[in-house]
C-alpha atoms as a PDB file:
ATOM      1  CA  UNK A   1     -20.807  10.267  -3.882  1.00  0.00           C
ATOM      2  CA  UNK A   2     -17.135  11.131  -3.515  1.00  0.00           C
ATOM      3  CA  UNK A   3     -14.522   8.428  -3.295  1.00  0.00           C
ATOM      4  CA  UNK A   4     -12.696   8.122  -0.019  1.00  0.00           C
ATOM      5  CA  UNK A   5      -9.384   7.067  -1.553  1.00  0.00           C
ATOM      6  CA  UNK A   6      -7.548   8.026  -4.729  1.00  0.00           C
ATOM      7  CA  UNK A   7      -6.006   4.930  -6.289  1.00  0.00           C
ATOM      8  CA  UNK A   8      -2.966   4.835  -8.589  1.00  0.00           C
ATOM      9  CA  UNK A   9      -3.588   4.557 -12.323  1.00  0.00           C
ATOM     10  CA  UNK A  10      -0.222   3.203 -13.507  1.00  0.00           C
ATOM     11  CA  UNK A  11       2.043   0.275 -12.701  1.00  0.00           C
ATOM     12  CA  UNK A  12       4.617   2.681 -11.303  1.00  0.00           C
ATOM     13  CA  UNK A  13       1.985   4.201  -9.037  1.00  0.00           C
ATOM     14  CA  UNK A  14       0.927   0.785  -7.764  1.00  0.00           C
ATOM     15  CA  UNK A  15       4.594  -0.072  -7.179  1.00  0.00           C
ATOM     16  CA  UNK A  16       5.096   3.086  -5.136  1.00  0.00           C
ATOM     17  CA  UNK A  17       1.966   2.359  -3.123  1.00  0.00           C
ATOM     18  CA  UNK A  18       3.272  -1.139  -2.391  1.00  0.00           C
ATOM     19  CA  UNK A  19       6.671   0.298  -1.394  1.00  0.00           C
ATOM     20  CA  UNK A  20       5.066   2.758   1.032  1.00  0.00           C
ATOM     21  CA  UNK A  21       2.907   0.013   2.532  1.00  0.00           C
ATOM     22  CA  UNK A  22       6.012  -2.160   3.007  1.00  0.00           C
ATOM     23  CA  UNK A  23       7.799   0.723   4.730  1.00  0.00           C
ATOM     24  CA  UNK A  24       4.867   1.286   7.074  1.00  0.00           C
ATOM     25  CA  UNK A  25       4.761  -2.422   7.870  1.00  0.00           C
ATOM     26  CA  UNK A  26       8.517  -2.416   8.511  1.00  0.00           C
ATOM     27  CA  UNK A  27       8.039   0.208  11.235  1.00  0.00           C
ATOM     28  CA  UNK A  28       5.158  -1.290  13.225  1.00  0.00           C
ATOM     29  CA  UNK A  29       5.459  -3.192  16.458  1.00  0.00           C
ATOM     30  CA  UNK A  30       5.423  -6.867  15.398  1.00  0.00           C
ATOM     31  CA  UNK A  31       8.319  -6.308  12.991  1.00  0.00           C
ATOM     32  CA  UNK A  32      10.190  -4.089  15.434  1.00  0.00           C
ATOM     33  CA  UNK A  33       9.783  -6.849  18.025  1.00  0.00           C
ATOM     34  CA  UNK A  34      11.562  -9.270  15.689  1.00  0.00           C
ATOM     35  CA  UNK A  35      14.437  -6.845  15.124  1.00  0.00           C
ATOM     36  CA  UNK A  36      14.820  -5.709  18.741  1.00  0.00           C
ATOM     37  CA  UNK A  37      17.705  -7.969  19.827  1.00  0.00           C
ATOM     38  CA  UNK A  38      20.985  -7.502  21.614  1.00  0.00           C
ATOM     39  CA  UNK A  39      23.016  -7.656  18.394  1.00  0.00           C
ATOM     40  CA  UNK A  40      25.552  -5.087  17.240  1.00  0.00           C
ATOM     41  CA  UNK A  41      25.891  -4.167  13.572  1.00  0.00           C
ATOM     42  CA  UNK A  42      28.871  -1.938  12.819  1.00  0.00           C
ATOM     43  CA  UNK A  43      28.943  -1.037  16.514  1.00  0.00           C
ATOM     44  CA  UNK A  44      25.282   0.007  16.642  1.00  0.00           C
ATOM     45  CA  UNK A  45      22.339  -1.891  18.087  1.00  0.00           C
ATOM     46  CA  UNK A  46      20.301  -3.722  15.447  1.00  0.00           C
ATOM     47  CA  UNK A  47      17.170  -1.674  16.227  1.00  0.00           C
ATOM     48  CA  UNK A  48      19.033   1.570  15.405  1.00  0.00           C
ATOM     49  CA  UNK A  49      20.338   0.155  12.127  1.00  0.00           C
ATOM     50  CA  UNK A  50      16.786  -0.979  11.275  1.00  0.00           C
ATOM     51  CA  UNK A  51      15.475   2.527  11.985  1.00  0.00           C
ATOM     52  CA  UNK A  52      18.123   4.094   9.753  1.00  0.00           C
ATOM     53  CA  UNK A  53      17.291   1.621   6.981  1.00  0.00           C
ATOM     54  CA  UNK A  54      13.614   2.590   7.182  1.00  0.00           C
ATOM     55  CA  UNK A  55      14.444   6.298   7.045  1.00  0.00           C
ATOM     56  CA  UNK A  56      16.777   5.927   4.052  1.00  0.00           C
ATOM     57  CA  UNK A  57      14.267   3.678   2.286  1.00  0.00           C
ATOM     58  CA  UNK A  58      11.557   6.319   2.815  1.00  0.00           C
ATOM     59  CA  UNK A  59      13.799   8.959   1.277  1.00  0.00           C
ATOM     60  CA  UNK A  60      14.555   6.660  -1.663  1.00  0.00           C
ATOM     61  CA  UNK A  61      10.902   5.841  -2.308  1.00  0.00           C
ATOM     62  CA  UNK A  62       9.984   9.533  -2.154  1.00  0.00           C
ATOM     63  CA  UNK A  63      12.758  10.391  -4.617  1.00  0.00           C
ATOM     64  CA  UNK A  64      11.500   7.720  -7.018  1.00  0.00           C
ATOM     65  CA  UNK A  65       7.958   9.015  -6.569  1.00  0.00           C
ATOM     66  CA  UNK A  66       9.048  12.563  -7.389  1.00  0.00           C
ATOM     67  CA  UNK A  67      10.822  11.350 -10.531  1.00  0.00           C
ATOM     68  CA  UNK A  68       7.701   9.497 -11.674  1.00  0.00           C
ATOM     69  CA  UNK A  69       5.493  12.525 -11.054  1.00  0.00           C
ATOM     70  CA  UNK A  70       7.901  14.789 -12.964  1.00  0.00           C
ATOM     71  CA  UNK A  71       8.059  12.302 -15.853  1.00  0.00           C
ATOM     72  CA  UNK A  72       4.265  12.055 -16.122  1.00  0.00           C
ATOM     73  CA  UNK A  73       3.826  15.842 -15.993  1.00  0.00           C
ATOM     74  CA  UNK A  74       1.431  15.887 -13.027  1.00  0.00           C
ATOM     75  CA  UNK A  75       1.370  18.675 -10.490  1.00  0.00           C
END
């Protein structure tokens, strides 16, 4: 029987999986509800700043993931 999920085999892989899970959790409704307030940060609403932080964090995690894949020699 085939496995439904492919799990990481290294500590770095588990760390990346945890980072992606944290990013997904940061963008779901209960967390967004906590951040959605009438507060300005650098002239922008807090919810917009939170969204930008999630986007930049996603880019950062993907860059780290690409570096790890290149280092390990996987395709």
